[in-house]
Amino acid sequence: MQKIIGVTELQRNFRAVFDEVTNENMPYVLTRGSRPEAAIIPYTEFTQFLAWKEQEIVAEFDRAMQRLVERNADYSDDEIAADVEEAITEVRKASSA
């Protein structure tokens, strides 16, 4: 469950809203006009959200790495190393010009 509050009302009742969020774990959706713009949530929920986002980023990275492994399966480590060295040489030439 959550509550919805306009920013003007939040300014008038900040202390009560803050206490409700921290003491009762009540999230608030902040609106400007009638549009939801932000949220106030307990800190524990915020840290949990950050952990979920980090897991999501790591999972996306893992999927990208798996795609690279699959696309490069036909190339040997020596071929890949040679391509990397060639790219480094080209970048160094371009940056010194």
N, C-alpha and C. Protein backbone atom coordinates (compact mmCIF):
# COMPACT_ATOMS: atom_id res chain seq x y z
N MET A 1 0.84 -1.18 0.00
CA MET A 1 0.00 0.00 0.00
C MET A 1 0.88 1.24 0.00
N GLN A 2 0.41 2.27 -0.62
CA GLN A 2 1.15 3.53 -0.70
C GLN A 2 0.19 4.69 -0.59
N LYS A 3 0.73 5.85 -0.32
CA LYS A 3 -0.07 7.05 -0.27
C LYS A 3 0.42 7.99 -1.35
N ILE A 4 -0.47 8.84 -1.81
CA ILE A 4 -0.14 9.83 -2.84
C ILE A 4 -0.28 11.21 -2.22
N ILE A 5 0.72 12.05 -2.49
CA ILE A 5 0.70 13.39 -1.91
C ILE A 5 1.30 14.37 -2.91
N GLY A 6 0.72 15.53 -3.00
CA GLY A 6 1.26 16.59 -3.85
C GLY A 6 2.45 17.26 -3.18
N VAL A 7 3.34 17.84 -3.97
CA VAL A 7 4.53 18.45 -3.39
C VAL A 7 4.20 19.61 -2.45
N THR A 8 3.18 20.37 -2.76
CA THR A 8 2.81 21.48 -1.89
C THR A 8 2.35 20.96 -0.53
N GLU A 9 1.51 19.92 -0.55
CA GLU A 9 1.06 19.32 0.70
C GLU A 9 2.23 18.69 1.46
N LEU A 10 3.16 18.10 0.73
CA LEU A 10 4.34 17.51 1.36
C LEU A 10 5.13 18.59 2.10
N GLN A 11 5.28 19.75 1.46
CA GLN A 11 6.02 20.85 2.10
C GLN A 11 5.36 21.25 3.42
N ARG A 12 4.05 21.27 3.42
CA ARG A 12 3.32 21.66 4.63
C ARG A 12 3.37 20.59 5.72
N ASN A 13 3.44 19.34 5.31
CA ASN A 13 3.34 18.23 6.27
C ASN A 13 4.57 17.33 6.25
N PHE A 14 5.73 17.90 5.95
CA PHE A 14 6.91 17.07 5.75
C PHE A 14 7.22 16.20 6.96
N ARG A 15 7.22 16.77 8.13
CA ARG A 15 7.60 16.03 9.34
C ARG A 15 6.67 14.81 9.55
N ALA A 16 5.37 15.00 9.37
CA ALA A 16 4.42 13.90 9.56
C ALA A 16 4.63 12.82 8.50
N VAL A 17 4.86 13.24 7.25
CA VAL A 17 5.09 12.28 6.17
C VAL A 17 6.40 11.52 6.43
N PHE A 18 7.44 12.26 6.79
CA PHE A 18 8.73 11.63 7.08
C PHE A 18 8.60 10.59 8.19
N ASP A 19 7.91 10.96 9.25
CA ASP A 19 7.71 10.02 10.36
C ASP A 19 6.93 8.79 9.92
N GLU A 20 5.93 8.98 9.07
CA GLU A 20 5.14 7.84 8.59
C GLU A 20 5.98 6.91 7.72
N VAL A 21 6.83 7.50 6.90
CA VAL A 21 7.70 6.69 6.04
C VAL A 21 8.70 5.91 6.89
N THR A 22 9.33 6.58 7.85
CA THR A 22 10.38 5.92 8.63
C THR A 22 9.83 5.00 9.71
N ASN A 23 8.76 5.38 10.37
CA ASN A 23 8.24 4.59 11.49
C ASN A 23 7.26 3.50 11.08
N GLU A 24 6.50 3.75 10.00
CA GLU A 24 5.46 2.81 9.60
C GLU A 24 5.74 2.15 8.25
N ASN A 25 6.91 2.45 7.68
CA ASN A 25 7.30 1.92 6.36
C ASN A 25 6.26 2.21 5.28
N MET A 26 5.68 3.39 5.33
CA MET A 26 4.65 3.79 4.37
C MET A 26 5.31 4.55 3.21
N PRO A 27 5.28 3.99 1.99
CA PRO A 27 5.82 4.73 0.85
C PRO A 27 4.83 5.81 0.38
N TYR A 28 5.38 6.87 -0.14
CA TYR A 28 4.58 7.97 -0.68
C TYR A 28 4.97 8.20 -2.13
N VAL A 29 3.99 8.45 -2.97
CA VAL A 29 4.21 8.88 -4.34
C VAL A 29 3.98 10.38 -4.35
N LEU A 30 4.96 11.11 -4.86
CA LEU A 30 4.86 12.57 -4.91
C LEU A 30 4.37 12.99 -6.29
N THR A 31 3.38 13.86 -6.29
CA THR A 31 2.83 14.32 -7.55
C THR A 31 3.05 15.82 -7.71
N ARG A 32 3.16 16.21 -8.95
CA ARG A 32 3.19 17.63 -9.31
C ARG A 32 2.05 17.79 -10.30
N GLY A 33 1.11 18.64 -9.95
CA GLY A 33 -0.13 18.65 -10.71
C GLY A 33 -0.81 17.34 -10.39
N SER A 34 -1.11 16.57 -11.40
CA SER A 34 -1.69 15.24 -11.14
C SER A 34 -0.76 14.13 -11.59
N ARG A 35 0.47 14.50 -11.98
CA ARG A 35 1.43 13.50 -12.49
C ARG A 35 2.36 13.00 -11.39
N PRO A 36 2.52 11.70 -11.26
CA PRO A 36 3.51 11.17 -10.33
C PRO A 36 4.91 11.54 -10.81
N GLU A 37 5.73 12.06 -9.92
CA GLU A 37 7.06 12.52 -10.31
C GLU A 37 8.18 11.84 -9.52
N ALA A 38 7.91 11.43 -8.29
CA ALA A 38 8.95 10.85 -7.44
C ALA A 38 8.30 10.01 -6.35
N ALA A 39 9.16 9.40 -5.53
CA ALA A 39 8.64 8.60 -4.42
C ALA A 39 9.54 8.78 -3.20
N ILE A 40 8.93 8.67 -2.05
CA ILE A 40 9.66 8.63 -0.79
C ILE A 40 9.42 7.24 -0.22
N ILE A 41 10.51 6.53 0.02
CA ILE A 41 10.40 5.16 0.54
C ILE A 41 11.36 5.00 1.71
N PRO A 42 11.10 4.02 2.57
CA PRO A 42 12.03 3.77 3.67
C PRO A 42 13.42 3.41 3.14
N TYR A 43 14.43 3.76 3.90
CA TYR A 43 15.81 3.53 3.47
C TYR A 43 16.10 2.06 3.19
N THR A 44 15.54 1.16 3.99
CA THR A 44 15.78 -0.27 3.77
C THR A 44 15.25 -0.71 2.41
N GLU A 45 14.11 -0.17 2.00
CA GLU A 45 13.57 -0.49 0.68
C GLU A 45 14.45 0.10 -0.42
N PHE A 46 14.99 1.28 -0.17
CA PHE A 46 15.88 1.92 -1.13
C PHE A 46 17.13 1.07 -1.35
N THR A 47 17.75 0.60 -0.27
CA THR A 47 18.96 -0.22 -0.41
C THR A 47 18.63 -1.55 -1.10
N GLN A 48 17.45 -2.09 -0.83
CA GLN A 48 17.02 -3.31 -1.50
C GLN A 48 16.84 -3.05 -3.00
N PHE A 49 16.25 -1.91 -3.34
CA PHE A 49 16.08 -1.53 -4.74
C PHE A 49 17.44 -1.43 -5.43
N LEU A 50 18.41 -0.79 -4.77
CA LEU A 50 19.74 -0.67 -5.36
C LEU A 50 20.37 -2.04 -5.60
N ALA A 51 20.19 -2.95 -4.66
CA ALA A 51 20.72 -4.30 -4.82
C ALA A 51 20.07 -5.00 -6.02
N TRP A 52 18.76 -4.85 -6.16
CA TRP A 52 18.07 -5.44 -7.32
C TRP A 52 18.58 -4.85 -8.62
N LYS A 53 18.77 -3.53 -8.64
CA LYS A 53 19.28 -2.89 -9.85
C LYS A 53 20.67 -3.40 -10.19
N GLU A 54 21.50 -3.57 -9.17
CA GLU A 54 22.85 -4.08 -9.40
C GLU A 54 22.78 -5.50 -9.94
N GLN A 55 21.91 -6.33 -9.40
CA GLN A 55 21.74 -7.69 -9.91
C GLN A 55 21.29 -7.67 -11.36
N GLU A 56 20.39 -6.75 -11.68
CA GLU A 56 19.90 -6.61 -13.05
C GLU A 56 21.03 -6.22 -14.00
N ILE A 57 21.88 -5.30 -13.56
CA ILE A 57 23.01 -4.86 -14.38
C ILE A 57 23.99 -6.00 -14.59
N VAL A 58 24.29 -6.73 -13.52
CA VAL A 58 25.22 -7.87 -13.62
C VAL A 58 24.64 -8.93 -14.54
N ALA A 59 23.35 -9.20 -14.45
CA ALA A 59 22.71 -10.20 -15.32
C ALA A 59 22.78 -9.76 -16.78
N GLU A 60 22.56 -8.48 -17.04
CA GLU A 60 22.66 -7.96 -18.42
C GLU A 60 24.08 -8.08 -18.93
N PHE A 61 25.05 -7.77 -18.09
CA PHE A 61 26.45 -7.92 -18.47
C PHE A 61 26.76 -9.38 -18.79
N ASP A 62 26.28 -10.29 -17.95
CA ASP A 62 26.50 -11.71 -18.18
C ASP A 62 25.89 -12.16 -19.51
N ARG A 63 24.69 -11.65 -19.82
CA ARG A 63 24.06 -11.99 -21.11
C ARG A 63 24.89 -11.46 -22.28
N ALA A 64 25.42 -10.24 -22.14
CA ALA A 64 26.25 -9.66 -23.20
C ALA A 64 27.53 -10.48 -23.37
N MET A 65 28.14 -10.87 -22.26
CA MET A 65 29.36 -11.68 -22.35
C MET A 65 29.06 -13.02 -23.01
N GLN A 66 27.93 -13.61 -22.70
CA GLN A 66 27.57 -14.89 -23.31
C GLN A 66 27.38 -14.73 -24.82
N ARG A 67 26.76 -13.63 -25.24
CA ARG A 67 26.60 -13.37 -26.68
C ARG A 67 27.97 -13.23 -27.35
N LEU A 68 28.90 -12.55 -26.68
CA LEU A 68 30.25 -12.41 -27.24
C LEU A 68 30.95 -13.76 -27.34
N VAL A 69 30.81 -14.58 -26.32
CA VAL A 69 31.41 -15.91 -26.34
C VAL A 69 30.85 -16.71 -27.52
N GLU A 70 29.54 -16.65 -27.70
CA GLU A 70 28.92 -17.40 -28.79
C GLU A 70 29.36 -16.88 -30.15
N ARG A 71 29.43 -15.56 -30.31
CA ARG A 71 29.83 -14.99 -31.60
C ARG A 71 31.30 -15.22 -31.92
N ASN A 72 32.12 -15.34 -30.89
CA ASN A 72 33.56 -15.51 -31.10
C ASN A 72 34.02 -16.96 -30.97
N ALA A 73 33.09 -17.88 -30.88
CA ALA A 73 33.44 -19.29 -30.68
C ALA A 73 34.29 -19.86 -31.81
N ASP A 74 34.15 -19.31 -33.01
CA ASP A 74 34.90 -19.82 -34.17
C ASP A 74 36.31 -19.25 -34.28
N TYR A 75 36.67 -18.33 -33.37
CA TYR A 75 37.98 -17.69 -33.44
C TYR A 75 38.87 -18.19 -32.30
N SER A 76 40.13 -18.37 -32.61
CA SER A 76 41.08 -18.83 -31.58
C SER A 76 41.51 -17.64 -30.72
N ASP A 77 42.09 -17.95 -29.56
CA ASP A 77 42.61 -16.90 -28.69
C ASP A 77 43.69 -16.09 -29.39
N ASP A 78 44.51 -16.75 -30.20
CA ASP A 78 45.58 -16.05 -30.92
C ASP A 78 45.00 -15.06 -31.94
N GLU A 79 43.93 -15.45 -32.62
CA GLU A 79 43.29 -14.55 -33.59
C GLU A 79 42.70 -13.33 -32.88
N ILE A 80 42.07 -13.57 -31.76
CA ILE A 80 41.47 -12.47 -31.00
C ILE A 80 42.56 -11.54 -30.47
N ALA A 81 43.64 -12.11 -29.94
CA ALA A 81 44.75 -11.29 -29.43
C ALA A 81 45.36 -10.46 -30.55
N ALA A 82 45.50 -11.03 -31.73
CA ALA A 82 46.06 -10.28 -32.87
C ALA A 82 45.14 -9.13 -33.25
N ASP A 83 43.83 -9.36 -33.25
CA ASP A 83 42.87 -8.29 -33.55
C ASP A 83 42.94 -7.18 -32.51
N VAL A 84 43.08 -7.54 -31.24
CA VAL A 84 43.17 -6.55 -30.17
C VAL A 84 44.44 -5.72 -30.35
N GLU A 85 45.55 -6.38 -30.62
CA GLU A 85 46.82 -5.65 -30.83
C GLU A 85 46.71 -4.69 -32.02
N GLU A 86 46.07 -5.15 -33.08
CA GLU A 86 45.89 -4.30 -34.26
C GLU A 86 45.04 -3.07 -33.92
N ALA A 87 43.98 -3.27 -33.15
CA ALA A 87 43.11 -2.16 -32.75
C ALA A 87 43.88 -1.17 -31.87
N ILE A 88 44.70 -1.69 -30.96
CA ILE A 88 45.50 -0.80 -30.09
C ILE A 88 46.47 0.02 -30.93
N THR A 89 47.11 -0.61 -31.88
CA THR A 89 48.05 0.10 -32.76
C THR A 89 47.33 1.20 -33.53
N GLU A 90 46.16 0.92 -34.07
CA GLU A 90 45.39 1.91 -34.83
C GLU A 90 44.98 3.08 -33.95
N VAL A 91 44.57 2.81 -32.74
CA VAL A 91 44.15 3.88 -31.81
C VAL A 91 45.35 4.75 -31.46
N ARG A 92 46.48 4.13 -31.20
CA ARG A 92 47.68 4.91 -30.86
C ARG A 92 48.12 5.78 -32.04
N LYS A 93 48.04 5.26 -33.25
CA LYS A 93 48.39 6.06 -34.43
C LYS A 93 47.44 7.24 -34.57
N ALA A 94 46.15 6.98 -34.39
CA ALA A 94 45.14 8.04 -34.54
C ALA A 94 45.30 9.11 -33.47
N SER A 95 45.63 8.73 -32.25
CA SER A 95 45.73 9.72 -31.17
C SER A 95 47.04 10.51 -31.24
N SER A 96 48.06 9.98 -31.93
CA SER A 96 49.33 10.71 -32.06
C SER A 96 49.33 11.61 -33.28
N ALA A 97 48.35 11.48 -34.13
CA ALA A 97 48.30 12.28 -35.37
C ALA A 97 47.75 13.66 -35.13
